[in-house]
Amino acid sequence: EKERLPNMLTETIPYLEARRKRDPSFKYELLVVDDGSGDAGATSRIGADLAREHGDDSYVGRAIRVLTLEMNRGKGGAVAQGMLRGRGRLLLMASKMRISSRFLVPIHAPPFFM
């Protein structure tokens, strides 16, 4: 994960920023979930570094947060915890893969996540 996560985020953040600049009403939040799996906190550090580098400015519509789970709950548990803590109206989950901006299609969150 620590090899793939920075690559995926390096593609994702410029796409989100470009979209935010084109459409001032567009807001986004990146939530990096450390599933507690035993990578010695590498995922949390990557997320924290990213938040420091790009800032967390909810006022302008950009938020980068890290969720560190105390106990490994498996992939399903990590996804569920991330989705439950997402603050947006639309949520997208990406995992361990290098994605391209063409795959950034929002998924409508069920009402109980709002």
C-alpha atoms as a PDB file:
ATOM      1  CA  GLU A   1       0.000   0.000   0.000  1.00  0.00           C
ATOM      2  CA  LYS A   2       2.722   2.479   0.884  1.00  0.00           C
ATOM      3  CA  GLU A   3       4.042   2.184  -2.673  1.00  0.00           C
ATOM      4  CA  ARG A   4       0.673   2.509  -4.421  1.00  0.00           C
ATOM      5  CA  LEU A   5      -1.055   5.112  -2.273  1.00  0.00           C
ATOM      6  CA  PRO A   6       1.229   8.059  -3.157  1.00  0.00           C
ATOM      7  CA  ASN A   7       0.929   7.244  -6.879  1.00  0.00           C
ATOM      8  CA  MET A   8      -2.845   7.171  -6.760  1.00  0.00           C
ATOM      9  CA  LEU A   9      -3.008  10.406  -4.780  1.00  0.00           C
ATOM     10  CA  THR A  10      -0.506  12.111  -7.091  1.00  0.00           C
ATOM     11  CA  GLU A  11      -3.015  11.621  -9.912  1.00  0.00           C
ATOM     12  CA  THR A  12      -6.143  12.275  -7.894  1.00  0.00           C
ATOM     13  CA  ILE A  13      -5.296  15.580  -6.202  1.00  0.00           C
ATOM     14  CA  PRO A  14      -4.450  17.535  -9.388  1.00  0.00           C
ATOM     15  CA  TYR A  15      -7.686  16.297 -10.973  1.00  0.00           C
ATOM     16  CA  LEU A  16      -9.746  17.401  -7.964  1.00  0.00           C
ATOM     17  CA  GLU A  17      -7.966  20.760  -7.743  1.00  0.00           C
ATOM     18  CA  ALA A  18      -8.466  21.451 -11.466  1.00  0.00           C
ATOM     19  CA  ARG A  19     -12.147  20.627 -11.133  1.00  0.00           C
ATOM     20  CA  ARG A  20     -12.459  22.877  -8.071  1.00  0.00           C
ATOM     21  CA  LYS A  21     -10.856  25.754  -9.981  1.00  0.00           C
ATOM     22  CA  ARG A  22     -13.244  25.279 -12.933  1.00  0.00           C
ATOM     23  CA  ASP A  23     -16.300  25.044 -10.698  1.00  0.00           C
ATOM     24  CA  PRO A  24     -16.143  27.092  -7.483  1.00  0.00           C
ATOM     25  CA  SER A  25     -19.121  25.175  -6.064  1.00  0.00           C
ATOM     26  CA  PHE A  26     -17.204  21.864  -6.289  1.00  0.00           C
ATOM     27  CA  LYS A  27     -15.849  20.717  -2.935  1.00  0.00           C
ATOM     28  CA  TYR A  28     -13.953  17.591  -2.033  1.00  0.00           C
ATOM     29  CA  GLU A  29     -12.602  15.661   0.897  1.00  0.00           C
ATOM     30  CA  LEU A  30      -9.932  12.970   0.774  1.00  0.00           C
ATOM     31  CA  LEU A  31     -10.115  10.551   3.666  1.00  0.00           C
ATOM     32  CA  VAL A  32      -7.123   8.232   3.925  1.00  0.00           C
ATOM     33  CA  VAL A  33      -8.022   5.196   6.042  1.00  0.00           C
ATOM     34  CA  ASP A  34      -5.237   3.320   7.810  1.00  0.00           C
ATOM     35  CA  ASP A  35      -6.791  -0.070   8.423  1.00  0.00           C
ATOM     36  CA  GLY A  36      -4.468  -0.921  11.315  1.00  0.00           C
ATOM     37  CA  SER A  37      -2.942  -3.759   9.327  1.00  0.00           C
ATOM     38  CA  GLY A  38       0.635  -3.622  10.509  1.00  0.00           C
ATOM     39  CA  ASP A  39       2.453  -1.410   8.057  1.00  0.00           C
ATOM     40  CA  ALA A  40       3.791   0.386  11.146  1.00  0.00           C
ATOM     41  CA  GLY A  41       1.578   3.387  10.486  1.00  0.00           C
ATOM     42  CA  ALA A  42       2.931   4.070   6.973  1.00  0.00           C
ATOM     43  CA  THR A  43      -0.544   4.776   5.589  1.00  0.00           C
ATOM     44  CA  SER A  44      -1.283   7.280   8.359  1.00  0.00           C
ATOM     45  CA  ARG A  45       2.055   9.014   7.779  1.00  0.00           C
ATOM     46  CA  ILE A  46       1.439   9.256   4.031  1.00  0.00           C
ATOM     47  CA  GLY A  47      -1.999  10.753   4.676  1.00  0.00           C
ATOM     48  CA  ALA A  48      -0.676  13.196   7.276  1.00  0.00           C
ATOM     49  CA  ASP A  49       2.139  14.297   4.957  1.00  0.00           C
ATOM     50  CA  LEU A  50      -0.393  14.827   2.188  1.00  0.00           C
ATOM     51  CA  ALA A  51      -2.619  16.927   4.445  1.00  0.00           C
ATOM     52  CA  ARG A  52       0.348  19.083   5.466  1.00  0.00           C
ATOM     53  CA  GLU A  53       1.551  19.476   1.879  1.00  0.00           C
ATOM     54  CA  HIS A  54      -1.813  20.391   0.351  1.00  0.00           C
ATOM     55  CA  GLY A  55      -3.479  21.938   3.345  1.00  0.00           C
ATOM     56  CA  ASP A  56      -6.873  21.341   4.801  1.00  0.00           C
ATOM     57  CA  ASP A  57      -9.057  24.276   3.993  1.00  0.00           C
ATOM     58  CA  SER A  58     -12.706  23.371   4.325  1.00  0.00           C
ATOM     59  CA  TYR A  59     -13.589  27.015   3.699  1.00  0.00           C
ATOM     60  CA  VAL A  60     -12.467  26.789   0.062  1.00  0.00           C
ATOM     61  CA  GLY A  61     -13.810  23.267  -0.335  1.00  0.00           C
ATOM     62  CA  ARG A  62     -10.751  21.104   0.191  1.00  0.00           C
ATOM     63  CA  ALA A  63     -10.286  18.732   3.102  1.00  0.00           C
ATOM     64  CA  ILE A  64      -7.693  16.012   3.546  1.00  0.00           C
ATOM     65  CA  ARG A  65      -8.143  13.844   6.618  1.00  0.00           C
ATOM     66  CA  VAL A  66      -6.653  10.647   8.028  1.00  0.00           C
ATOM     67  CA  LEU A  67      -8.609   7.961   9.866  1.00  0.00           C
ATOM     68  CA  THR A  68      -6.406   5.508  11.768  1.00  0.00           C
ATOM     69  CA  LEU A  69      -8.214   2.409  12.979  1.00  0.00           C
ATOM     70  CA  GLU A  70      -6.987   0.966  16.263  1.00  0.00           C
ATOM     71  CA  MET A  71      -7.688  -2.595  15.224  1.00  0.00           C
ATOM     72  CA  ASN A  72      -7.588  -4.286  11.828  1.00  0.00           C
ATOM     73  CA  ARG A  73     -11.192  -4.969  10.813  1.00  0.00           C
ATOM     74  CA  GLY A  74     -10.347  -6.215   7.321  1.00  0.00           C
ATOM     75  CA  LYS A  75     -10.960  -4.393   4.082  1.00  0.00           C
ATOM     76  CA  GLY A  76     -14.732  -4.358   4.567  1.00  0.00           C
ATOM     77  CA  GLY A  77     -14.375  -2.798   8.005  1.00  0.00           C
ATOM     78  CA  ALA A  78     -11.969  -0.146   6.717  1.00  0.00           C
ATOM     79  CA  VAL A  79     -14.293   0.726   3.828  1.00  0.00           C
ATOM     80  CA  ALA A  80     -17.329   0.901   6.120  1.00  0.00           C
ATOM     81  CA  GLN A  81     -15.549   3.106   8.668  1.00  0.00           C
ATOM     82  CA  GLY A  82     -14.323   5.429   5.926  1.00  0.00           C
ATOM     83  CA  MET A  83     -17.751   5.735   4.351  1.00  0.00           C
ATOM     84  CA  LEU A  84     -19.387   6.360   7.718  1.00  0.00           C
ATOM     85  CA  ARG A  85     -16.970   9.212   8.385  1.00  0.00           C
ATOM     86  CA  GLY A  86     -17.138  10.808   4.950  1.00  0.00           C
ATOM     87  CA  ARG A  87     -18.747  14.226   5.191  1.00  0.00           C
ATOM     88  CA  GLY A  88     -19.795  14.688   1.583  1.00  0.00           C
ATOM     89  CA  ARG A  89     -23.105  14.216  -0.153  1.00  0.00           C
ATOM     90  CA  LEU A  90     -21.417  11.938  -2.716  1.00  0.00           C
ATOM     91  CA  LEU A  91     -18.794   9.353  -1.769  1.00  0.00           C
ATOM     92  CA  LEU A  92     -16.190   7.485  -3.821  1.00  0.00           C
ATOM     93  CA  MET A  93     -14.089   4.616  -2.524  1.00  0.00           C
ATOM     94  CA  ALA A  94     -10.725   3.734  -4.065  1.00  0.00           C
ATOM     95  CA  SER A  95      -8.439   1.048  -2.759  1.00  0.00           C
ATOM     96  CA  LYS A  96      -4.804   0.118  -3.350  1.00  0.00           C
ATOM     97  CA  MET A  97      -4.954   0.677  -7.050  1.00  0.00           C
ATOM     98  CA  ARG A  98      -3.601   3.350  -9.256  1.00  0.00           C
ATOM     99  CA  ILE A  99      -6.657   5.046 -10.659  1.00  0.00           C
ATOM    100  CA  SER A 100      -7.045   7.539 -13.433  1.00  0.00           C
ATOM    101  CA  SER A 101      -9.240  10.626 -13.289  1.00  0.00           C
ATOM    102  CA  ARG A 102     -11.556   8.969 -15.813  1.00  0.00           C
ATOM    103  CA  PHE A 103     -12.658   6.632 -12.999  1.00  0.00           C
ATOM    104  CA  LEU A 104     -13.559   9.420 -10.571  1.00  0.00           C
ATOM    105  CA  VAL A 105     -17.294   9.025 -10.877  1.00  0.00           C
ATOM    106  CA  PRO A 106     -19.153   9.827  -7.664  1.00  0.00           C
ATOM    107  CA  ILE A 107     -21.240   7.173  -6.001  1.00  0.00           C
ATOM    108  CA  HIS A 108     -24.464   8.356  -4.397  1.00  0.00           C
ATOM    109  CA  ALA A 109     -24.397   7.722  -0.679  1.00  0.00           C
ATOM    110  CA  PRO A 110     -27.440   6.089   0.859  1.00  0.00           C
ATOM    111  CA  PRO A 111     -29.426   8.522   3.051  1.00  0.00           C
ATOM    112  CA  PHE A 112     -28.277   6.870   6.279  1.00  0.00           C
ATOM    113  CA  PHE A 113     -24.692   8.065   5.596  1.00  0.00           C
ATOM    114  CA  MET A 114     -25.751  11.707   5.570  1.00  0.00           C
END
